[in-house]
Amino acid sequence: MRDSIRTAIKIGPEDHGRPMTLEDFEYAVGQPGHIYELSRGVIAVSDVPGRPHGLQVFVIRRQLTAFDLSNPGRIHFIGGTHECKLLIPEFDSERHPDIAVYLTPWPPENQPWAHWIPEIVIEVVSVGSEERDYVEKREEYLALNIKEYWILDLEREEMVMLRRWGKRIVEKVVRPPETYKTRLLPGFELVIADVFRAAQE
């Protein structure tokens, strides 16, 4: 069926836990005010995160944007929950990460999500999202061959970086006052203490 004539399925908070195929979910229209993902073939509905989560995401994006302004051409797009999506057919999932960093240019098509994969994906842990962020999304993001997956956890006051190295998964834990540097963005330094401080003040 052509996308232009596909009838969108409308979904809302009452559809949390409803089974759905990835093909149908990709074109579903969600009732405003909530975040919708497809998690292993089941609709997962969550509230828009509150102040601590939002401020952490804001500070991370501000640091990435500052690097981008000083190093034009290294980052091609920084997407968020409502600006990009990750389609993971292997798990029948569609994810909307807090931050996705793309180091390759936007492809010619308007909706490139089936094959345009970010190099870095970042999730900020909220109350109730621990299982998704640490277990489900870890498996799914690494299955997409995303180069680095960062998990920032205010409760634990640490960041976990996951990277695939051949058949192994390399895990690095960083705690303030340490900063994190990545070979993917030479010269960039994530000041984790600033991220957590924003949520605590």
Protein backbone atom coordinates (compact mmCIF):
# COMPACT_ATOMS: atom_id res chain seq x y z
CA MET A 1 0.00 0.00 0.00
CA ARG A 2 1.35 3.43 -0.86
CA ASP A 3 2.17 5.61 2.16
CA SER A 4 0.27 8.52 0.66
CA ILE A 5 -3.03 6.65 0.80
CA ARG A 6 -2.48 4.73 4.02
CA THR A 7 -5.19 5.39 6.62
CA ALA A 8 -3.55 6.37 9.89
CA ILE A 9 -4.64 4.53 13.02
CA LYS A 10 -5.47 6.85 15.91
CA ILE A 11 -4.12 5.83 19.31
CA GLY A 12 -4.35 7.28 22.81
CA PRO A 13 -3.36 6.53 26.42
CA GLU A 14 -6.02 3.81 26.60
CA ASP A 15 -4.04 1.85 24.01
CA HIS A 16 -1.12 1.23 26.37
CA GLY A 17 -0.39 -2.50 26.17
CA ARG A 18 -2.25 -2.96 22.88
CA PRO A 19 -0.48 -5.29 20.41
CA MET A 20 0.35 -3.71 17.06
CA THR A 21 2.67 -4.40 14.15
CA LEU A 22 5.59 -2.10 13.43
CA GLU A 23 4.15 -1.40 9.98
CA ASP A 24 0.87 -0.12 11.44
CA PHE A 25 2.45 1.73 14.34
CA GLU A 26 4.85 3.67 12.13
CA TYR A 27 1.91 5.56 10.62
CA ALA A 28 -0.27 5.75 13.73
CA VAL A 29 -1.30 9.17 15.04
CA GLY A 30 -1.07 9.60 18.79
CA GLN A 31 -3.33 11.77 20.91
CA PRO A 32 -1.28 14.85 21.97
CA GLY A 33 0.20 15.11 25.44
CA HIS A 34 1.87 11.71 25.64
CA ILE A 35 4.86 9.83 24.22
CA TYR A 36 4.14 6.71 22.20
CA GLU A 37 6.60 3.93 21.38
CA LEU A 38 6.22 0.40 20.10
CA SER A 39 7.97 -1.92 22.51
CA ARG A 40 8.40 -5.47 21.27
CA GLY A 41 5.12 -5.38 19.37
CA VAL A 42 3.15 -3.66 22.15
CA ILE A 43 2.20 0.03 22.41
CA ALA A 44 3.92 1.78 25.32
CA VAL A 45 2.43 5.11 26.39
CA SER A 46 4.24 7.40 28.82
CA ASP A 47 3.72 10.91 30.11
CA VAL A 48 5.92 13.73 28.90
CA PRO A 49 8.77 13.76 31.47
CA GLY A 50 8.89 16.53 34.04
CA ARG A 51 11.36 19.19 35.09
CA PRO A 52 14.43 17.12 36.18
CA HIS A 53 14.39 15.05 33.01
CA GLY A 54 13.76 18.03 30.75
CA LEU A 55 16.56 20.09 32.24
CA GLN A 56 19.06 17.25 31.86
CA VAL A 57 18.14 16.81 28.20
CA PHE A 58 18.41 20.57 27.71
CA VAL A 59 21.94 20.75 29.16
CA ILE A 60 23.15 17.78 27.10
CA ARG A 61 21.77 19.34 23.92
CA ARG A 62 23.32 22.69 24.82
CA GLN A 63 26.75 21.08 25.17
CA LEU A 64 26.36 19.25 21.84
CA THR A 65 25.12 22.44 20.14
CA ALA A 66 28.10 24.41 21.48
CA PHE A 67 30.43 21.80 19.99
CA ASP A 68 28.53 21.90 16.70
CA LEU A 69 28.82 25.68 16.47
CA SER A 70 32.56 25.46 17.07
CA ASN A 71 33.03 22.51 14.72
CA PRO A 72 30.65 22.98 11.77
CA GLY A 73 30.14 19.92 9.63
CA ARG A 74 30.91 17.31 12.29
CA ILE A 75 27.30 16.93 13.46
CA HIS A 76 24.60 16.91 10.78
CA PHE A 77 21.51 16.60 12.96
CA ILE A 78 20.53 16.41 16.62
CA GLY A 79 17.10 14.87 16.98
CA GLY A 80 14.86 14.40 19.98
CA THR A 81 11.76 12.50 20.99
CA HIS A 82 9.52 14.26 18.47
CA GLU A 83 12.07 14.88 15.70
CA CYS A 84 13.29 11.39 14.85
CA LYS A 85 12.52 7.73 15.35
CA LEU A 86 14.39 4.45 15.30
CA LEU A 87 12.74 1.51 13.55
CA ILE A 88 13.95 -1.85 14.84
CA PRO A 89 12.24 -4.63 12.85
CA GLU A 90 14.26 -7.34 14.59
CA PHE A 91 12.42 -6.50 17.84
CA ASP A 92 9.20 -5.13 16.31
CA SER A 93 9.95 -1.83 18.06
CA GLU A 94 9.86 1.87 17.25
CA ARG A 95 11.79 4.09 19.64
CA HIS A 96 11.96 7.85 20.16
CA PRO A 97 15.20 8.56 22.03
CA ASP A 98 15.75 11.63 24.17
CA ILE A 99 18.65 12.64 21.92
CA ALA A 100 20.02 11.13 18.71
CA VAL A 101 23.22 12.48 17.13
CA TYR A 102 23.64 11.94 13.39
CA LEU A 103 27.11 12.33 11.92
CA THR A 104 26.04 11.69 8.31
CA PRO A 105 23.93 14.09 6.20
CA TRP A 106 20.16 13.80 5.99
CA PRO A 107 19.32 11.45 3.08
CA PRO A 108 17.35 12.80 0.09
CA GLU A 109 14.00 11.42 1.22
CA ASN A 110 11.77 13.13 3.76
CA GLN A 111 11.29 10.07 6.00
CA PRO A 112 14.63 8.20 6.09
CA TRP A 113 14.13 6.45 9.43
CA ALA A 114 14.25 2.90 8.08
CA HIS A 115 17.92 3.25 7.19
CA TRP A 116 19.32 6.54 8.55
CA ILE A 117 20.86 5.50 11.86
CA PRO A 118 22.41 7.88 14.40
CA GLU A 119 25.93 7.27 15.62
CA ILE A 120 25.10 8.26 19.22
CA VAL A 121 21.84 7.73 21.12
CA ILE A 122 21.25 9.22 24.57
CA GLU A 123 18.58 8.37 27.12
CA VAL A 124 18.00 10.16 30.43
CA VAL A 125 16.54 7.76 32.98
CA SER A 126 13.22 8.74 34.56
CA VAL A 127 11.24 7.04 37.29
CA GLY A 128 9.68 3.99 35.66
CA SER A 129 11.93 3.96 32.59
CA GLU A 130 14.76 1.89 34.08
CA GLU A 131 13.78 -1.40 32.44
CA ARG A 132 13.32 0.25 29.03
CA ASP A 133 16.56 2.23 29.16
CA TYR A 134 18.90 -0.34 30.69
CA VAL A 135 17.54 -3.57 29.20
CA GLU A 136 15.18 -3.23 26.25
CA LYS A 137 16.74 -0.23 24.52
CA ARG A 138 20.25 -1.51 25.18
CA GLU A 139 19.49 -4.64 23.16
CA GLU A 140 17.63 -2.77 20.44
CA TYR A 141 20.04 0.13 19.92
CA LEU A 142 23.05 -2.13 19.76
CA ALA A 143 21.20 -4.40 17.33
CA LEU A 144 20.92 -1.36 15.03
CA ASN A 145 24.72 -1.04 15.19
CA ILE A 146 24.50 2.35 16.85
CA LYS A 147 28.09 3.14 17.71
CA GLU A 148 27.53 4.49 21.23
CA TYR A 149 24.57 4.43 23.62
CA TRP A 150 24.74 6.79 26.61
CA ILE A 151 22.48 6.31 29.65
CA LEU A 152 22.45 9.18 32.16
CA ASP A 153 21.02 8.27 35.55
CA LEU A 154 20.52 11.07 38.09
CA GLU A 155 19.49 8.63 40.84
CA ARG A 156 22.78 6.73 40.50
CA GLU A 157 24.69 9.90 39.62
CA GLU A 158 26.47 8.18 36.76
CA MET A 159 26.54 7.78 33.02
CA VAL A 160 26.86 4.38 31.36
CA MET A 161 28.35 4.27 27.86
CA LEU A 162 27.77 1.13 25.79
CA ARG A 163 29.61 0.35 22.58
CA ARG A 164 29.75 -2.73 20.40
CA TRP A 165 33.28 -4.03 19.88
CA GLY A 166 33.09 -6.93 17.46
CA LYS A 167 30.89 -9.52 19.18
CA ARG A 168 31.46 -7.95 22.60
CA ILE A 169 29.68 -5.08 24.33
CA VAL A 170 32.06 -2.65 25.98
CA GLU A 171 30.61 -0.81 28.98
CA LYS A 172 32.13 2.26 30.61
CA VAL A 173 30.77 3.97 33.73
CA VAL A 174 31.54 7.66 34.23
CA ARG A 175 30.77 9.57 37.41
CA PRO A 176 31.19 13.28 38.19
CA PRO A 177 33.55 15.07 38.40
CA GLU A 178 34.79 12.93 35.50
CA THR A 179 33.83 14.05 32.01
CA TYR A 180 33.24 11.88 28.97
CA LYS A 181 35.13 12.16 25.70
CA THR A 182 34.25 10.15 22.61
CA ARG A 183 36.33 9.33 19.56
CA LEU A 184 33.23 10.00 17.47
CA LEU A 185 33.39 13.72 18.29
CA PRO A 186 37.06 14.66 18.69
CA GLY A 187 37.31 17.67 20.98
CA PHE A 188 33.88 17.19 22.56
CA GLU A 189 33.67 16.71 26.32
CA LEU A 190 30.40 15.95 28.09
CA VAL A 191 30.42 17.62 31.49
CA ILE A 192 28.18 15.19 33.35
CA ALA A 193 28.24 17.19 36.58
CA ASP A 194 26.53 20.09 34.78
CA VAL A 195 23.83 17.76 33.50
CA PHE A 196 22.97 16.46 36.95
CA ARG A 197 23.36 19.85 38.62
CA ALA A 198 20.68 21.29 36.36
CA ALA A 199 18.14 18.81 37.71
CA GLN A 200 19.15 19.27 41.34
CA GLU A 201 19.17 23.06 41.61
